Amino acid sequence: MGDAAPRGRFASNAIVGMVIGSAISIALWALIVGAILRLT
């Protein structure tokens, strides 16, 4: 039981990190596309 909780916590942290990373990349992509559309 001792090392089961840290393992689960690490897995959830990894999932949260992946979600945050993908959200940041999507936001950056949207900003870049918006800037390009404004320039054209």
PDB file of N, CA and C in Angstrom:
ATOM      1  N   MET A   1       0.833  -1.207   0.000  1.00  0.00           N
ATOM      2  CA  MET A   1       0.000   0.000   0.000  1.00  0.00           C
ATOM      3  C   MET A   1       0.873   1.267   0.000  1.00  0.00           C
ATOM      4  N   GLY A   2       2.065   1.158   0.579  1.00  0.00           N
ATOM      5  CA  GLY A   2       2.887   2.354   0.747  1.00  0.00           C
ATOM      6  C   GLY A   2       3.255   3.013  -0.573  1.00  0.00           C
ATOM      7  N   ASP A   3       3.651   2.189  -1.568  1.00  0.00           N
ATOM      8  CA  ASP A   3       4.105   2.798  -2.824  1.00  0.00           C
ATOM      9  C   ASP A   3       2.996   2.823  -3.875  1.00  0.00           C
ATOM     10  N   ALA A   4       1.796   2.359  -3.527  1.00  0.00           N
ATOM     11  CA  ALA A   4       0.693   2.392  -4.493  1.00  0.00           C
ATOM     12  C   ALA A   4       0.161   3.820  -4.634  1.00  0.00           C
ATOM     13  N   ALA A   5       0.075   4.544  -3.526  1.00  0.00           N
ATOM     14  CA  ALA A   5      -0.459   5.908  -3.581  1.00  0.00           C
ATOM     15  C   ALA A   5       0.454   6.850  -4.380  1.00  0.00           C
ATOM     16  N   PRO A   6       1.771   6.877  -4.109  1.00  0.00           N
ATOM     17  CA  PRO A   6       2.644   7.747  -4.912  1.00  0.00           C
ATOM     18  C   PRO A   6       2.585   7.407  -6.399  1.00  0.00           C
ATOM     19  N   ARG A   7       2.461   6.105  -6.702  1.00  0.00           N
ATOM     20  CA  ARG A   7       2.403   5.719  -8.116  1.00  0.00           C
ATOM     21  C   ARG A   7       1.135   6.295  -8.753  1.00  0.00           C
ATOM     22  N   GLY A   8       0.004   6.181  -8.051  1.00  0.00           N
ATOM     23  CA  GLY A   8      -1.245   6.729  -8.586  1.00  0.00           C
ATOM     24  C   GLY A   8      -1.176   8.245  -8.702  1.00  0.00           C
ATOM     25  N   ARG A   9      -0.553   8.863  -7.702  1.00  0.00           N
ATOM     26  CA  ARG A   9      -0.433  10.322  -7.742  1.00  0.00           C
ATOM     27  C   ARG A   9       0.441  10.741  -8.918  1.00  0.00           C
ATOM     28  N   PHE A  10       1.514   9.998  -9.166  1.00  0.00           N
ATOM     29  CA  PHE A  10       2.396  10.327 -10.288  1.00  0.00           C
ATOM     30  C   PHE A  10       1.642  10.180 -11.608  1.00  0.00           C
ATOM     31  N   ALA A  11       0.810   9.135 -11.718  1.00  0.00           N
ATOM     32  CA  ALA A  11       0.059   8.921 -12.957  1.00  0.00           C
ATOM     33  C   ALA A  11      -0.911  10.076 -13.182  1.00  0.00           C
ATOM     34  N   SER A  12      -1.610  10.494 -12.122  1.00  0.00           N
ATOM     35  CA  SER A  12      -2.560  11.596 -12.283  1.00  0.00           C
ATOM     36  C   SER A  12      -1.812  12.888 -12.603  1.00  0.00           C
ATOM     37  N   ASN A  13      -0.643  13.092 -11.985  1.00  0.00           N
ATOM     38  CA  ASN A  13       0.146  14.286 -12.286  1.00  0.00           C
ATOM     39  C   ASN A  13       0.598  14.276 -13.747  1.00  0.00           C
ATOM     40  N   ALA A  14       0.967  13.100 -14.254  1.00  0.00           N
ATOM     41  CA  ALA A  14       1.398  13.003 -15.646  1.00  0.00           C
ATOM     42  C   ALA A  14       0.236  13.325 -16.578  1.00  0.00           C
ATOM     43  N   ILE A  15      -0.960  12.826 -16.231  1.00  0.00           N
ATOM     44  CA  ILE A  15      -2.137  13.103 -17.066  1.00  0.00           C
ATOM     45  C   ILE A  15      -2.439  14.599 -17.043  1.00  0.00           C
ATOM     46  N   VAL A  16      -2.389  15.194 -15.851  1.00  0.00           N
ATOM     47  CA  VAL A  16      -2.658  16.635 -15.747  1.00  0.00           C
ATOM     48  C   VAL A  16      -1.616  17.418 -16.540  1.00  0.00           C
ATOM     49  N   GLY A  17      -0.358  16.994 -16.459  1.00  0.00           N
ATOM     50  CA  GLY A  17       0.692  17.675 -17.204  1.00  0.00           C
ATOM     51  C   GLY A  17       0.465  17.585 -18.709  1.00  0.00           C
ATOM     52  N   MET A  18       0.040  16.415 -19.171  1.00  0.00           N
ATOM     53  CA  MET A  18      -0.225  16.248 -20.603  1.00  0.00           C
ATOM     54  C   MET A  18      -1.382  17.138 -21.033  1.00  0.00           C
ATOM     55  N   VAL A  19      -2.438  17.201 -20.207  1.00  0.00           N
ATOM     56  CA  VAL A  19      -3.603  18.032 -20.548  1.00  0.00           C
ATOM     57  C   VAL A  19      -3.202  19.506 -20.589  1.00  0.00           C
ATOM     58  N   ILE A  20      -2.426  19.938 -19.590  1.00  0.00           N
ATOM     59  CA  ILE A  20      -2.007  21.345 -19.555  1.00  0.00           C
ATOM     60  C   ILE A  20      -1.100  21.646 -20.749  1.00  0.00           C
ATOM     61  N   GLY A  21      -0.192  20.725 -21.057  1.00  0.00           N
ATOM     62  CA  GLY A  21       0.710  20.939 -22.183  1.00  0.00           C
ATOM     63  C   GLY A  21      -0.043  21.047 -23.506  1.00  0.00           C
ATOM     64  N   SER A  22      -1.017  20.163 -23.702  1.00  0.00           N
ATOM     65  CA  SER A  22      -1.782  20.207 -24.951  1.00  0.00           C
ATOM     66  C   SER A  22      -2.622  21.473 -25.011  1.00  0.00           C
ATOM     67  N   ALA A  23      -3.167  21.901 -23.879  1.00  0.00           N
ATOM     68  CA  ALA A  23      -3.970  23.130 -23.863  1.00  0.00           C
ATOM     69  C   ALA A  23      -3.100  24.336 -24.202  1.00  0.00           C
ATOM     70  N   ILE A  24      -1.877  24.367 -23.669  1.00  0.00           N
ATOM     71  CA  ILE A  24      -0.965  25.485 -23.956  1.00  0.00           C
ATOM     72  C   ILE A  24      -0.585  25.483 -25.434  1.00  0.00           C
ATOM     73  N   SER A  25      -0.304  24.304 -25.992  1.00  0.00           N
ATOM     74  CA  SER A  25       0.089  24.241 -27.401  1.00  0.00           C
ATOM     75  C   SER A  25      -1.075  24.650 -28.298  1.00  0.00           C
ATOM     76  N   ILE A  26      -2.300  24.247 -27.933  1.00  0.00           N
ATOM     77  CA  ILE A  26      -3.477  24.640 -28.727  1.00  0.00           C
ATOM     78  C   ILE A  26      -3.668  26.153 -28.650  1.00  0.00           C
ATOM     79  N   ALA A  27      -3.468  26.729 -27.452  1.00  0.00           N
ATOM     80  CA  ALA A  27      -3.632  28.177 -27.299  1.00  0.00           C
ATOM     81  C   ALA A  27      -2.586  28.918 -28.129  1.00  0.00           C
ATOM     82  N   LEU A  28      -1.330  28.455 -28.094  1.00  0.00           N
ATOM     83  CA  LEU A  28      -0.275  29.096 -28.884  1.00  0.00           C
ATOM     84  C   LEU A  28      -0.582  28.988 -30.375  1.00  0.00           C
ATOM     85  N   TRP A  29      -1.053  27.807 -30.821  1.00  0.00           N
ATOM     86  CA  TRP A  29      -1.382  27.609 -32.228  1.00  0.00           C
ATOM     87  C   TRP A  29      -2.507  28.546 -32.645  1.00  0.00           C
ATOM     88  N   ALA A  30      -3.509  28.699 -31.758  1.00  0.00           N
ATOM     89  CA  ALA A  30      -4.625  29.596 -32.070  1.00  0.00           C
ATOM     90  C   ALA A  30      -4.133  31.044 -32.155  1.00  0.00           C
ATOM     91  N   LEU A  31      -3.223  31.430 -31.267  1.00  0.00           N
ATOM     92  CA  LEU A  31      -2.693  32.800 -31.312  1.00  0.00           C
ATOM     93  C   LEU A  31      -1.917  33.033 -32.602  1.00  0.00           C
ATOM     94  N   ILE A  32      -1.113  32.043 -33.017  1.00  0.00           N
ATOM     95  CA  ILE A  32      -0.321  32.184 -34.244  1.00  0.00           C
ATOM     96  C   ILE A  32      -1.248  32.285 -35.458  1.00  0.00           C
ATOM     97  N   VAL A  33      -2.265  31.416 -35.499  1.00  0.00           N
ATOM     98  CA  VAL A  33      -3.204  31.450 -36.631  1.00  0.00           C
ATOM     99  C   VAL A  33      -3.958  32.778 -36.644  1.00  0.00           C
ATOM    100  N   GLY A  34      -4.356  33.261 -35.462  1.00  0.00           N
ATOM    101  CA  GLY A  34      -5.062  34.541 -35.391  1.00  0.00           C
ATOM    102  C   GLY A  34      -4.191  35.681 -35.889  1.00  0.00           C
ATOM    103  N   ALA A  35      -2.910  35.661 -35.531  1.00  0.00           N
ATOM    104  CA  ALA A  35      -2.000  36.718 -35.978  1.00  0.00           C
ATOM    105  C   ALA A  35      -1.830  36.663 -37.492  1.00  0.00           C
ATOM    106  N   ILE A  36      -1.719  35.458 -38.046  1.00  0.00           N
ATOM    107  CA  ILE A  36      -1.550  35.319 -39.501  1.00  0.00           C
ATOM    108  C   ILE A  36      -2.807  35.815 -40.219  1.00  0.00           C
ATOM    109  N   LEU A  37      -3.978  35.469 -39.670  1.00  0.00           N
ATOM    110  CA  LEU A  37      -5.223  35.910 -40.312  1.00  0.00           C
ATOM    111  C   LEU A  37      -5.350  37.429 -40.235  1.00  0.00           C
ATOM    112  N   ARG A  38      -4.859  38.029 -39.163  1.00  0.00           N
ATOM    113  CA  ARG A  38      -4.931  39.488 -39.048  1.00  0.00           C
ATOM    114  C   ARG A  38      -3.987  40.149 -40.047  1.00  0.00           C
ATOM    115  N   LEU A  39      -2.810  39.535 -40.277  1.00  0.00           N
ATOM    116  CA  LEU A  39      -1.829  40.137 -41.180  1.00  0.00           C
ATOM    117  C   LEU A  39      -2.305  40.072 -42.626  1.00  0.00           C
ATOM    118  N   THR A  40      -3.014  39.017 -42.998  1.00  0.00           N
ATOM    119  CA  THR A  40      -3.421  38.863 -44.394  1.00  0.00           C
ATOM    120  C   THR A  40      -4.630  39.719 -44.707  1.00  0.00           C
TER     121      THR A  40
END
